Amino acid sequence: MTRTEPHDVPGAAELVAAVRDFLETDVLPAVDGRTRYHTRVAINVLGMVEREIELGPAQAERHAASLAALGMADDAELAAAVREGRVPDDSALLSVLEQAVRAKLEVANPGYPAT
């Protein structure tokens, strides 16, 4: 794979993964109480950042295409159109909203059931 980014290896996602791994394997077993809780939170946040770096660009592209299919430029325009009743409450709208929520869950909580 040829890298065209202006930054050297490791990339941002790999750096985040390395820090997450360090916290998980070295720090977490050595701490307890409040520090343990906050370490777990940091591990989860770094996992989210890693997934957003990796999945975000493709998700953004799909979301923009879905919005365009509804004739909307962005989420703010869609929200205003829904509030004003300018978007039919139909399967196309439901599909766009469902895809947006699934994309958020893929980043925030990939283990959440996709039912």
C-alpha atoms as a PDB file:
ATOM      1  CA  MET A   1       0.000   0.000   0.000  1.00  0.00           C
ATOM      2  CA  THR A   2       1.379   3.389  -0.975  1.00  0.00           C
ATOM      3  CA  ARG A   3       0.890   6.154   1.534  1.00  0.00           C
ATOM      4  CA  THR A   4       0.117   9.573   0.133  1.00  0.00           C
ATOM      5  CA  GLU A   5      -0.528  11.303   3.435  1.00  0.00           C
ATOM      6  CA  PRO A   6       1.956  13.971   4.511  1.00  0.00           C
ATOM      7  CA  HIS A   7       2.742  12.136   7.767  1.00  0.00           C
ATOM      8  CA  ASP A   8       5.034   9.212   8.377  1.00  0.00           C
ATOM      9  CA  VAL A   9       4.166   5.799   9.756  1.00  0.00           C
ATOM     10  CA  PRO A  10       2.689   5.197  12.249  1.00  0.00           C
ATOM     11  CA  GLY A  11      -0.488   7.033  11.366  1.00  0.00           C
ATOM     12  CA  ALA A  12      -2.896   8.672  13.790  1.00  0.00           C
ATOM     13  CA  ALA A  13      -5.041   5.551  14.234  1.00  0.00           C
ATOM     14  CA  GLU A  14      -1.963   3.444  14.951  1.00  0.00           C
ATOM     15  CA  LEU A  15      -0.696   5.954  17.523  1.00  0.00           C
ATOM     16  CA  VAL A  16      -4.063   6.037  19.244  1.00  0.00           C
ATOM     17  CA  ALA A  17      -4.151   2.230  19.268  1.00  0.00           C
ATOM     18  CA  ALA A  18      -0.675   2.105  20.831  1.00  0.00           C
ATOM     19  CA  VAL A  19      -1.689   4.464  23.645  1.00  0.00           C
ATOM     20  CA  ARG A  20      -4.935   2.526  24.189  1.00  0.00           C
ATOM     21  CA  ASP A  21      -2.997  -0.736  24.343  1.00  0.00           C
ATOM     22  CA  PHE A  22      -0.506   0.733  26.845  1.00  0.00           C
ATOM     23  CA  LEU A  23      -3.323   1.907  29.113  1.00  0.00           C
ATOM     24  CA  GLU A  24      -5.100  -1.426  28.841  1.00  0.00           C
ATOM     25  CA  THR A  25      -2.138  -3.728  29.400  1.00  0.00           C
ATOM     26  CA  ASP A  26       0.237  -1.709  31.608  1.00  0.00           C
ATOM     27  CA  VAL A  27      -1.728   0.955  33.453  1.00  0.00           C
ATOM     28  CA  LEU A  28      -5.138  -0.608  34.096  1.00  0.00           C
ATOM     29  CA  PRO A  29      -3.822  -3.637  36.031  1.00  0.00           C
ATOM     30  CA  ALA A  30      -1.692  -1.339  38.215  1.00  0.00           C
ATOM     31  CA  VAL A  31      -4.377   1.097  39.360  1.00  0.00           C
ATOM     32  CA  ASP A  32      -7.603   0.933  41.307  1.00  0.00           C
ATOM     33  CA  GLY A  33     -10.521   3.046  42.424  1.00  0.00           C
ATOM     34  CA  ARG A  34     -11.062   6.379  40.737  1.00  0.00           C
ATOM     35  CA  THR A  35      -7.885   6.090  38.646  1.00  0.00           C
ATOM     36  CA  ARG A  36      -8.961   2.668  37.366  1.00  0.00           C
ATOM     37  CA  TYR A  37     -12.375   4.056  36.387  1.00  0.00           C
ATOM     38  CA  HIS A  38     -10.836   7.002  34.537  1.00  0.00           C
ATOM     39  CA  THR A  39      -8.333   4.716  32.825  1.00  0.00           C
ATOM     40  CA  ARG A  40     -11.219   2.574  31.557  1.00  0.00           C
ATOM     41  CA  VAL A  41     -12.964   5.716  30.298  1.00  0.00           C
ATOM     42  CA  ALA A  42      -9.761   6.811  28.526  1.00  0.00           C
ATOM     43  CA  ILE A  43      -9.403   3.366  26.922  1.00  0.00           C
ATOM     44  CA  ASN A  44     -12.977   3.564  25.626  1.00  0.00           C
ATOM     45  CA  VAL A  45     -12.508   7.115  24.329  1.00  0.00           C
ATOM     46  CA  LEU A  46      -9.312   6.156  22.507  1.00  0.00           C
ATOM     47  CA  GLY A  47     -11.146   3.221  20.925  1.00  0.00           C
ATOM     48  CA  MET A  48     -13.807   5.621  19.689  1.00  0.00           C
ATOM     49  CA  VAL A  49     -11.183   7.998  18.279  1.00  0.00           C
ATOM     50  CA  GLU A  50      -9.440   5.115  16.544  1.00  0.00           C
ATOM     51  CA  ARG A  51     -12.687   3.914  14.950  1.00  0.00           C
ATOM     52  CA  GLU A  52     -13.673   7.439  13.913  1.00  0.00           C
ATOM     53  CA  ILE A  53     -10.302   7.952  12.213  1.00  0.00           C
ATOM     54  CA  GLU A  54     -10.662   4.650  10.366  1.00  0.00           C
ATOM     55  CA  LEU A  55     -14.396   4.689   9.570  1.00  0.00           C
ATOM     56  CA  GLY A  56     -15.213   8.399   9.533  1.00  0.00           C
ATOM     57  CA  PRO A  57     -14.255   9.371   5.988  1.00  0.00           C
ATOM     58  CA  ALA A  58     -16.300   6.587   4.348  1.00  0.00           C
ATOM     59  CA  GLN A  59     -19.197   7.216   6.728  1.00  0.00           C
ATOM     60  CA  ALA A  60     -19.148  10.935   5.923  1.00  0.00           C
ATOM     61  CA  GLU A  61     -19.172  10.212   2.204  1.00  0.00           C
ATOM     62  CA  ARG A  62     -22.150   7.837   2.507  1.00  0.00           C
ATOM     63  CA  HIS A  63     -24.006  10.276   4.767  1.00  0.00           C
ATOM     64  CA  ALA A  64     -23.476  13.178   2.364  1.00  0.00           C
ATOM     65  CA  ALA A  65     -24.798  11.035  -0.500  1.00  0.00           C
ATOM     66  CA  SER A  66     -27.845  10.036   1.559  1.00  0.00           C
ATOM     67  CA  LEU A  67     -28.573  13.662   2.431  1.00  0.00           C
ATOM     68  CA  ALA A  68     -28.155  14.690  -1.204  1.00  0.00           C
ATOM     69  CA  ALA A  69     -30.669  12.020  -2.227  1.00  0.00           C
ATOM     70  CA  LEU A  70     -33.155  13.789   0.057  1.00  0.00           C
ATOM     71  CA  GLY A  71     -32.183  17.143  -1.458  1.00  0.00           C
ATOM     72  CA  MET A  72     -30.403  18.299   1.697  1.00  0.00           C
ATOM     73  CA  ALA A  73     -26.943  19.844   2.005  1.00  0.00           C
ATOM     74  CA  ASP A  74     -26.294  18.892   5.630  1.00  0.00           C
ATOM     75  CA  ASP A  75     -27.810  17.703   8.910  1.00  0.00           C
ATOM     76  CA  ALA A  76     -28.885  21.209   9.920  1.00  0.00           C
ATOM     77  CA  GLU A  77     -30.890  21.607   6.725  1.00  0.00           C
ATOM     78  CA  LEU A  78     -32.462  18.173   7.206  1.00  0.00           C
ATOM     79  CA  ALA A  79     -33.381  18.957  10.824  1.00  0.00           C
ATOM     80  CA  ALA A  80     -34.976  22.262   9.804  1.00  0.00           C
ATOM     81  CA  ALA A  81     -36.881  20.571   6.976  1.00  0.00           C
ATOM     82  CA  VAL A  82     -38.195  17.868   9.331  1.00  0.00           C
ATOM     83  CA  ARG A  83     -39.238  20.467  11.944  1.00  0.00           C
ATOM     84  CA  GLU A  84     -41.036  22.480   9.275  1.00  0.00           C
ATOM     85  CA  GLY A  85     -42.731  19.426   7.770  1.00  0.00           C
ATOM     86  CA  ARG A  86     -40.960  19.815   4.421  1.00  0.00           C
ATOM     87  CA  VAL A  87     -39.722  16.209   4.349  1.00  0.00           C
ATOM     88  CA  PRO A  88     -42.192  13.383   3.932  1.00  0.00           C
ATOM     89  CA  ASP A  89     -42.210  10.931   6.803  1.00  0.00           C
ATOM     90  CA  ASP A  90     -41.408   7.998   4.534  1.00  0.00           C
ATOM     91  CA  SER A  91     -39.005   5.122   4.128  1.00  0.00           C
ATOM     92  CA  ALA A  92     -36.318   7.292   2.457  1.00  0.00           C
ATOM     93  CA  LEU A  93     -36.117   9.603   5.474  1.00  0.00           C
ATOM     94  CA  LEU A  94     -36.233   6.680   7.889  1.00  0.00           C
ATOM     95  CA  SER A  95     -33.422   4.964   5.992  1.00  0.00           C
ATOM     96  CA  VAL A  96     -31.172   8.053   6.123  1.00  0.00           C
ATOM     97  CA  LEU A  97     -31.776   8.491   9.845  1.00  0.00           C
ATOM     98  CA  GLU A  98     -31.252   4.805  10.559  1.00  0.00           C
ATOM     99  CA  GLN A  99     -27.975   4.761   8.595  1.00  0.00           C
ATOM    100  CA  ALA A 100     -26.770   7.835  10.508  1.00  0.00           C
ATOM    101  CA  VAL A 101     -27.503   6.221  13.869  1.00  0.00           C
ATOM    102  CA  ARG A 102     -25.828   2.960  12.821  1.00  0.00           C
ATOM    103  CA  ALA A 103     -22.714   4.882  11.738  1.00  0.00           C
ATOM    104  CA  LYS A 104     -22.571   6.633  15.108  1.00  0.00           C
ATOM    105  CA  LEU A 105     -22.913   3.300  16.902  1.00  0.00           C
ATOM    106  CA  GLU A 106     -20.144   1.741  14.772  1.00  0.00           C
ATOM    107  CA  VAL A 107     -17.834   4.368  16.265  1.00  0.00           C
ATOM    108  CA  ALA A 108     -19.234   4.849  19.767  1.00  0.00           C
ATOM    109  CA  ASN A 109     -20.290   1.307  20.629  1.00  0.00           C
ATOM    110  CA  PRO A 110     -19.599  -1.292  17.926  1.00  0.00           C
ATOM    111  CA  GLY A 111     -20.823  -4.084  20.196  1.00  0.00           C
ATOM    112  CA  TYR A 112     -24.327  -2.631  20.346  1.00  0.00           C
ATOM    113  CA  PRO A 113     -26.820  -5.024  18.730  1.00  0.00           C
ATOM    114  CA  ALA A 114     -27.656  -4.067  15.162  1.00  0.00           C
ATOM    115  CA  THR A 115     -31.268  -5.219  15.330  1.00  0.00           C
END
